[in-house]
């Protein structure tokens, strides 16, 4: 089966560094699913606004591996990047077929650059991600309450305290400022990094956000500059 993108994702996150590690972790983060001209047809979206959530099937286009390269064991970031799990027991991007699946909230339909686009929230995709299919999220079949989630049940994402000086607020819209704070709370660093003096840079909304994280779990933004 040959598949090709029906849409591309557009957002303020231009690098995979800082992208939420799962969909829904930052519901304040919005983006656009912009349909390719061949699929930008109002009939193809008829009825979609009756759904609150959608499934996106997309490509891990930045995983850095050649086609066909994969490993049966991967190191999930939730486990600190130090423990191995079977690739099919994780959502790792390093898969036999580099396909991702994300549940996003649908906010509306609009026009973007002459094409139809879906405004969505809570995605874990980088800007420019190819999207291969869009399906409605259906609660009575897609929601399973009280089920086991393997090693995920035993671990929680550790959030950090964010110190973002008011002088940097003017660089962002109110919506992007809130989303940025929520993204930084998730600690974008690799889980095995713990150098409190190391300065990191996260591209966001056309700016390079420079920060470091103390051993006490405080993330301090040091500088915001144009990319």
C-alpha atoms as a PDB file:
ATOM      1  CA  UNK A   1       0.000   0.000   0.000  1.00  0.00           C
ATOM      2  CA  UNK A   2       1.342   3.400  -0.962  1.00  0.00           C
ATOM      3  CA  UNK A   3       0.253   6.298   1.202  1.00  0.00           C
ATOM      4  CA  UNK A   4       0.874   9.998   0.842  1.00  0.00           C
ATOM      5  CA  UNK A   5       0.123  13.006   3.050  1.00  0.00           C
ATOM      6  CA  UNK A   6      -3.368  14.455   2.917  1.00  0.00           C
ATOM      7  CA  UNK A   7      -2.347  17.398   5.119  1.00  0.00           C
ATOM      8  CA  UNK A   8       0.529  19.022   6.991  1.00  0.00           C
ATOM      9  CA  UNK A   9       0.540  20.269  10.564  1.00  0.00           C
ATOM     10  CA  UNK A  10       1.413  23.912  11.294  1.00  0.00           C
ATOM     11  CA  UNK A  11       2.318  25.178  14.758  1.00  0.00           C
ATOM     12  CA  UNK A  12       4.689  27.331  16.801  1.00  0.00           C
ATOM     13  CA  UNK A  13       7.004  24.369  17.474  1.00  0.00           C
ATOM     14  CA  UNK A  14       9.577  24.175  14.678  1.00  0.00           C
ATOM     15  CA  UNK A  15      11.810  21.580  16.381  1.00  0.00           C
ATOM     16  CA  UNK A  16      11.045  18.250  18.047  1.00  0.00           C
ATOM     17  CA  UNK A  17      12.835  19.576  21.152  1.00  0.00           C
ATOM     18  CA  UNK A  18      10.029  20.829  23.363  1.00  0.00           C
ATOM     19  CA  UNK A  19       7.182  19.011  21.633  1.00  0.00           C
ATOM     20  CA  UNK A  20       4.910  17.348  24.251  1.00  0.00           C
ATOM     21  CA  UNK A  21       5.750  13.670  24.644  1.00  0.00           C
ATOM     22  CA  UNK A  22       2.089  12.705  24.264  1.00  0.00           C
ATOM     23  CA  UNK A  23      -0.987  14.386  22.851  1.00  0.00           C
ATOM     24  CA  UNK A  24      -3.235  16.093  25.377  1.00  0.00           C
ATOM     25  CA  UNK A  25      -0.447  17.036  27.801  1.00  0.00           C
ATOM     26  CA  UNK A  26      -0.648  20.703  26.760  1.00  0.00           C
ATOM     27  CA  UNK A  27      -4.276  21.388  25.771  1.00  0.00           C
ATOM     28  CA  UNK A  28      -3.445  25.109  25.459  1.00  0.00           C
ATOM     29  CA  UNK A  29      -1.157  24.415  22.478  1.00  0.00           C
ATOM     30  CA  UNK A  30      -3.019  24.999  19.204  1.00  0.00           C
ATOM     31  CA  UNK A  31      -2.135  24.334  15.579  1.00  0.00           C
ATOM     32  CA  UNK A  32      -3.546  23.875  12.104  1.00  0.00           C
ATOM     33  CA  UNK A  33      -4.046  20.722  10.059  1.00  0.00           C
ATOM     34  CA  UNK A  34      -3.824  22.214   6.565  1.00  0.00           C
ATOM     35  CA  UNK A  35      -5.246  19.982   3.845  1.00  0.00           C
ATOM     36  CA  UNK A  36      -3.316  19.483   0.638  1.00  0.00           C
ATOM     37  CA  UNK A  37      -5.059  21.003  -2.428  1.00  0.00           C
ATOM     38  CA  UNK A  38      -6.217  17.608  -3.704  1.00  0.00           C
ATOM     39  CA  UNK A  39      -8.098  16.988  -0.441  1.00  0.00           C
ATOM     40  CA  UNK A  40      -9.193  20.557   0.343  1.00  0.00           C
ATOM     41  CA  UNK A  41     -12.819  19.860  -0.381  1.00  0.00           C
ATOM     42  CA  UNK A  42     -15.653  20.982   1.884  1.00  0.00           C
ATOM     43  CA  UNK A  43     -17.506  17.725   1.195  1.00  0.00           C
ATOM     44  CA  UNK A  44     -14.603  15.747   2.713  1.00  0.00           C
ATOM     45  CA  UNK A  45     -15.140  17.601   6.010  1.00  0.00           C
ATOM     46  CA  UNK A  46     -18.925  17.488   6.031  1.00  0.00           C
ATOM     47  CA  UNK A  47     -20.110  16.602   9.552  1.00  0.00           C
ATOM     48  CA  UNK A  48     -16.681  16.897  11.179  1.00  0.00           C
ATOM     49  CA  UNK A  49     -17.673  19.844  13.371  1.00  0.00           C
ATOM     50  CA  UNK A  50     -20.037  17.535  15.220  1.00  0.00           C
ATOM     51  CA  UNK A  51     -17.027  15.850  16.855  1.00  0.00           C
ATOM     52  CA  UNK A  52     -15.035  17.279  19.756  1.00  0.00           C
ATOM     53  CA  UNK A  53     -11.956  15.135  19.169  1.00  0.00           C
ATOM     54  CA  UNK A  54     -10.140  13.649  16.192  1.00  0.00           C
ATOM     55  CA  UNK A  55      -7.499  10.985  15.625  1.00  0.00           C
ATOM     56  CA  UNK A  56      -4.533  12.029  13.499  1.00  0.00           C
ATOM     57  CA  UNK A  57      -2.355   9.408  11.794  1.00  0.00           C
ATOM     58  CA  UNK A  58       0.981  10.969  10.945  1.00  0.00           C
ATOM     59  CA  UNK A  59       4.671  10.380  10.263  1.00  0.00           C
ATOM     60  CA  UNK A  60       7.602  10.634  12.655  1.00  0.00           C
ATOM     61  CA  UNK A  61       9.371  12.598   9.955  1.00  0.00           C
ATOM     62  CA  UNK A  62      12.245  13.756  12.182  1.00  0.00           C
ATOM     63  CA  UNK A  63      13.221  10.500  13.878  1.00  0.00           C
ATOM     64  CA  UNK A  64      16.581  10.526  12.071  1.00  0.00           C
ATOM     65  CA  UNK A  65      16.566   6.906  10.943  1.00  0.00           C
ATOM     66  CA  UNK A  66      16.715   5.481   7.463  1.00  0.00           C
ATOM     67  CA  UNK A  67      13.679   3.713   6.060  1.00  0.00           C
ATOM     68  CA  UNK A  68      13.497   0.166   7.364  1.00  0.00           C
ATOM     69  CA  UNK A  69      15.782   0.770  10.343  1.00  0.00           C
ATOM     70  CA  UNK A  70      14.233  -0.256  13.640  1.00  0.00           C
ATOM     71  CA  UNK A  71      14.988  -2.008  16.921  1.00  0.00           C
ATOM     72  CA  UNK A  72      12.817  -4.448  18.907  1.00  0.00           C
ATOM     73  CA  UNK A  73      13.858  -2.637  22.101  1.00  0.00           C
ATOM     74  CA  UNK A  74      13.565   1.095  22.806  1.00  0.00           C
ATOM     75  CA  UNK A  75      14.116   3.365  25.826  1.00  0.00           C
ATOM     76  CA  UNK A  76      10.926   5.262  26.737  1.00  0.00           C
ATOM     77  CA  UNK A  77      11.563   8.804  28.071  1.00  0.00           C
ATOM     78  CA  UNK A  78       8.978   8.232  30.819  1.00  0.00           C
ATOM     79  CA  UNK A  79      11.376   5.645  32.277  1.00  0.00           C
ATOM     80  CA  UNK A  80      14.245   8.128  32.207  1.00  0.00           C
ATOM     81  CA  UNK A  81      15.716   6.833  28.964  1.00  0.00           C
ATOM     82  CA  UNK A  82      17.578   4.121  30.880  1.00  0.00           C
ATOM     83  CA  UNK A  83      15.225   1.120  30.761  1.00  0.00           C
ATOM     84  CA  UNK A  84      14.354  -0.940  27.703  1.00  0.00           C
ATOM     85  CA  UNK A  85      10.870  -1.919  26.607  1.00  0.00           C
ATOM     86  CA  UNK A  86       9.567  -3.670  23.520  1.00  0.00           C
ATOM     87  CA  UNK A  87       8.880  -1.215  20.714  1.00  0.00           C
ATOM     88  CA  UNK A  88       5.282  -2.426  20.408  1.00  0.00           C
ATOM     89  CA  UNK A  89       4.734  -1.773  24.123  1.00  0.00           C
ATOM     90  CA  UNK A  90       5.649   1.904  23.630  1.00  0.00           C
ATOM     91  CA  UNK A  91       4.835   4.907  21.479  1.00  0.00           C
ATOM     92  CA  UNK A  92       8.446   5.377  20.442  1.00  0.00           C
ATOM     93  CA  UNK A  93       9.059   7.080  17.065  1.00  0.00           C
ATOM     94  CA  UNK A  94      11.635   4.420  16.176  1.00  0.00           C
ATOM     95  CA  UNK A  95       9.231   1.865  14.733  1.00  0.00           C
ATOM     96  CA  UNK A  96       9.236  -0.462  11.697  1.00  0.00           C
ATOM     97  CA  UNK A  97       6.795   1.998  10.122  1.00  0.00           C
ATOM     98  CA  UNK A  98       7.325   5.519  11.474  1.00  0.00           C
ATOM     99  CA  UNK A  99       3.625   6.216  12.056  1.00  0.00           C
ATOM    100  CA  UNK A 100       2.212   8.174  14.980  1.00  0.00           C
ATOM    101  CA  UNK A 101      -1.318   8.336  16.379  1.00  0.00           C
ATOM    102  CA  UNK A 102      -2.611  11.360  18.292  1.00  0.00           C
ATOM    103  CA  UNK A 103      -5.933  12.412  19.743  1.00  0.00           C
ATOM    104  CA  UNK A 104      -6.533  16.160  19.389  1.00  0.00           C
ATOM    105  CA  UNK A 105      -9.385  18.489  20.230  1.00  0.00           C
ATOM    106  CA  UNK A 106     -11.147  20.032  17.224  1.00  0.00           C
ATOM    107  CA  UNK A 107     -11.701  23.771  17.643  1.00  0.00           C
ATOM    108  CA  UNK A 108     -13.017  24.605  14.195  1.00  0.00           C
ATOM    109  CA  UNK A 109     -12.599  24.686  10.430  1.00  0.00           C
ATOM    110  CA  UNK A 110     -11.057  27.652   8.651  1.00  0.00           C
ATOM    111  CA  UNK A 111      -9.219  28.657   5.491  1.00  0.00           C
ATOM    112  CA  UNK A 112      -5.438  28.873   5.431  1.00  0.00           C
ATOM    113  CA  UNK A 113      -3.533  29.980   2.347  1.00  0.00           C
ATOM    114  CA  UNK A 114      -6.345  28.987   0.017  1.00  0.00           C
ATOM    115  CA  UNK A 115      -6.810  25.544   1.594  1.00  0.00           C
ATOM    116  CA  UNK A 116      -9.190  24.275   4.236  1.00  0.00           C
ATOM    117  CA  UNK A 117      -7.663  23.691   7.651  1.00  0.00           C
ATOM    118  CA  UNK A 118      -8.698  22.234  10.971  1.00  0.00           C
ATOM    119  CA  UNK A 119      -7.790  24.190  14.079  1.00  0.00           C
ATOM    120  CA  UNK A 120      -6.842  21.672  16.764  1.00  0.00           C
ATOM    121  CA  UNK A 121      -5.505  21.738  20.325  1.00  0.00           C
ATOM    122  CA  UNK A 122      -3.292  19.430  22.344  1.00  0.00           C
ATOM    123  CA  UNK A 123      -1.241  17.930  19.505  1.00  0.00           C
ATOM    124  CA  UNK A 124       2.234  16.457  20.025  1.00  0.00           C
ATOM    125  CA  UNK A 125       3.435  17.208  16.494  1.00  0.00           C
ATOM    126  CA  UNK A 126       6.203  19.423  15.179  1.00  0.00           C
ATOM    127  CA  UNK A 127       5.516  22.085  12.545  1.00  0.00           C
ATOM    128  CA  UNK A 128       5.525  20.525   9.063  1.00  0.00           C
ATOM    129  CA  UNK A 129       4.533  17.010  10.169  1.00  0.00           C
ATOM    130  CA  UNK A 130       2.913  15.008   7.319  1.00  0.00           C
ATOM    131  CA  UNK A 131      -0.568  13.738   8.186  1.00  0.00           C
ATOM    132  CA  UNK A 132      -1.857  10.633   6.416  1.00  0.00           C
ATOM    133  CA  UNK A 133      -5.386  10.347   7.752  1.00  0.00           C
ATOM    134  CA  UNK A 134      -7.974  12.029   9.972  1.00  0.00           C
ATOM    135  CA  UNK A 135     -10.622  10.030  11.803  1.00  0.00           C
ATOM    136  CA  UNK A 136     -13.281  11.089  14.321  1.00  0.00           C
ATOM    137  CA  UNK A 137     -12.819  10.167  17.968  1.00  0.00           C
ATOM    138  CA  UNK A 138     -15.914   8.230  19.091  1.00  0.00           C
ATOM    139  CA  UNK A 139     -16.383   8.044  22.856  1.00  0.00           C
ATOM    140  CA  UNK A 140     -18.357   4.813  23.124  1.00  0.00           C
ATOM    141  CA  UNK A 141     -15.662   2.793  21.351  1.00  0.00           C
ATOM    142  CA  UNK A 142     -12.467   4.811  21.872  1.00  0.00           C
ATOM    143  CA  UNK A 143     -12.746   5.496  25.619  1.00  0.00           C
ATOM    144  CA  UNK A 144     -11.932   2.667  28.032  1.00  0.00           C
ATOM    145  CA  UNK A 145     -12.150   3.696  31.696  1.00  0.00           C
ATOM    146  CA  UNK A 146     -10.191   1.919  34.428  1.00  0.00           C
ATOM    147  CA  UNK A 147      -7.932  -0.150  32.161  1.00  0.00           C
ATOM    148  CA  UNK A 148      -4.273  -1.033  32.736  1.00  0.00           C
ATOM    149  CA  UNK A 149      -1.592   1.031  30.985  1.00  0.00           C
ATOM    150  CA  UNK A 150       1.519  -1.036  31.656  1.00  0.00           C
ATOM    151  CA  UNK A 151       4.579   0.833  32.951  1.00  0.00           C
ATOM    152  CA  UNK A 152       2.767   4.139  32.380  1.00  0.00           C
ATOM    153  CA  UNK A 153       0.617   3.400  35.463  1.00  0.00           C
ATOM    154  CA  UNK A 154       3.748   3.386  37.619  1.00  0.00           C
ATOM    155  CA  UNK A 155       5.308   6.607  36.330  1.00  0.00           C
ATOM    156  CA  UNK A 156       4.168  10.209  36.075  1.00  0.00           C
ATOM    157  CA  UNK A 157       5.709  13.075  34.158  1.00  0.00           C
ATOM    158  CA  UNK A 158       7.666  15.229  36.570  1.00  0.00           C
ATOM    159  CA  UNK A 159       6.740  18.867  36.186  1.00  0.00           C
ATOM    160  CA  UNK A 160       9.062  21.729  37.047  1.00  0.00           C
ATOM    161  CA  UNK A 161       8.432  25.220  38.345  1.00  0.00           C
ATOM    162  CA  UNK A 162       8.809  27.796  35.558  1.00  0.00           C
ATOM    163  CA  UNK A 163      10.299  31.230  36.102  1.00  0.00           C
ATOM    164  CA  UNK A 164       9.569  33.291  32.994  1.00  0.00           C
ATOM    165  CA  UNK A 165      10.317  37.011  33.580  1.00  0.00           C
ATOM    166  CA  UNK A 166       7.633  39.485  32.531  1.00  0.00           C
ATOM    167  CA  UNK A 167      10.104  41.187  30.178  1.00  0.00           C
ATOM    168  CA  UNK A 168       9.757  38.218  27.820  1.00  0.00           C
ATOM    169  CA  UNK A 169       5.946  38.233  27.783  1.00  0.00           C
ATOM    170  CA  UNK A 170       5.879  40.915  25.071  1.00  0.00           C
ATOM    171  CA  UNK A 171       7.501  38.532  22.589  1.00  0.00           C
ATOM    172  CA  UNK A 172       4.418  36.297  22.429  1.00  0.00           C
ATOM    173  CA  UNK A 173       0.689  36.493  21.984  1.00  0.00           C
ATOM    174  CA  UNK A 174      -1.266  35.713  25.147  1.00  0.00           C
ATOM    175  CA  UNK A 175      -2.225  32.313  23.716  1.00  0.00           C
ATOM    176  CA  UNK A 176       1.380  31.417  22.877  1.00  0.00           C
ATOM    177  CA  UNK A 177       2.657  32.710  26.206  1.00  0.00           C
ATOM    178  CA  UNK A 178       0.320  30.396  28.119  1.00  0.00           C
ATOM    179  CA  UNK A 179       1.221  27.455  25.861  1.00  0.00           C
ATOM    180  CA  UNK A 180       4.938  28.150  26.285  1.00  0.00           C
ATOM    181  CA  UNK A 181       4.651  28.100  30.077  1.00  0.00           C
ATOM    182  CA  UNK A 182       2.801  24.768  29.945  1.00  0.00           C
ATOM    183  CA  UNK A 183       5.398  23.283  27.576  1.00  0.00           C
ATOM    184  CA  UNK A 184       8.269  24.344  29.818  1.00  0.00           C
ATOM    185  CA  UNK A 185       6.509  22.877  32.878  1.00  0.00           C
ATOM    186  CA  UNK A 186       6.921  19.450  31.267  1.00  0.00           C
ATOM    187  CA  UNK A 187      10.741  19.900  31.292  1.00  0.00           C
ATOM    188  CA  UNK A 188      11.726  19.512  27.603  1.00  0.00           C
ATOM    189  CA  UNK A 189      15.179  18.162  28.452  1.00  0.00           C
ATOM    190  CA  UNK A 190      16.029  14.488  27.893  1.00  0.00           C
ATOM    191  CA  UNK A 191      15.088  12.753  31.134  1.00  0.00           C
ATOM    192  CA  UNK A 192      18.672  11.632  31.779  1.00  0.00           C
ATOM    193  CA  UNK A 193      20.045  15.213  31.676  1.00  0.00           C
ATOM    194  CA  UNK A 194      20.624  16.740  35.117  1.00  0.00           C
ATOM    195  CA  UNK A 195      23.336  19.390  34.680  1.00  0.00           C
ATOM    196  CA  UNK A 196      21.965  22.534  36.395  1.00  0.00           C
ATOM    197  CA  UNK A 197      24.450  24.776  34.575  1.00  0.00           C
ATOM    198  CA  UNK A 198      23.657  23.591  31.063  1.00  0.00           C
ATOM    199  CA  UNK A 199      21.713  26.102  28.970  1.00  0.00           C
ATOM    200  CA  UNK A 200      19.131  24.739  26.533  1.00  0.00           C
ATOM    201  CA  UNK A 201      17.443  26.413  23.580  1.00  0.00           C
ATOM    202  CA  UNK A 202      13.884  25.645  22.488  1.00  0.00           C
ATOM    203  CA  UNK A 203      12.535  27.120  19.228  1.00  0.00           C
ATOM    204  CA  UNK A 204       9.015  28.443  19.721  1.00  0.00           C
ATOM    205  CA  UNK A 205       6.912  30.862  17.643  1.00  0.00           C
ATOM    206  CA  UNK A 206       9.954  32.180  15.785  1.00  0.00           C
ATOM    207  CA  UNK A 207      12.074  32.713  18.908  1.00  0.00           C
ATOM    208  CA  UNK A 208      14.835  30.785  20.636  1.00  0.00           C
ATOM    209  CA  UNK A 209      13.863  30.365  24.283  1.00  0.00           C
ATOM    210  CA  UNK A 210      17.025  29.828  26.372  1.00  0.00           C
ATOM    211  CA  UNK A 211      16.710  28.226  29.814  1.00  0.00           C
ATOM    212  CA  UNK A 212      18.334  26.070  32.460  1.00  0.00           C
ATOM    213  CA  UNK A 213      16.918  23.836  35.190  1.00  0.00           C
ATOM    214  CA  UNK A 214      18.173  23.710  38.771  1.00  0.00           C
ATOM    215  CA  UNK A 215      18.565  20.564  40.841  1.00  0.00           C
ATOM    216  CA  UNK A 216      15.550  21.770  42.828  1.00  0.00           C
ATOM    217  CA  UNK A 217      13.324  21.512  39.734  1.00  0.00           C
ATOM    218  CA  UNK A 218      13.108  25.207  38.853  1.00  0.00           C
ATOM    219  CA  UNK A 219      13.286  26.072  35.144  1.00  0.00           C
ATOM    220  CA  UNK A 220      14.466  29.628  34.605  1.00  0.00           C
ATOM    221  CA  UNK A 221      14.159  31.346  31.220  1.00  0.00           C
ATOM    222  CA  UNK A 222      17.345  33.344  30.680  1.00  0.00           C
ATOM    223  CA  UNK A 223      16.874  34.833  27.241  1.00  0.00           C
ATOM    224  CA  UNK A 224      14.453  35.056  24.326  1.00  0.00           C
ATOM    225  CA  UNK A 225      15.845  36.044  20.957  1.00  0.00           C
ATOM    226  CA  UNK A 226      14.872  35.936  17.284  1.00  0.00           C
ATOM    227  CA  UNK A 227      15.801  32.804  15.389  1.00  0.00           C
END
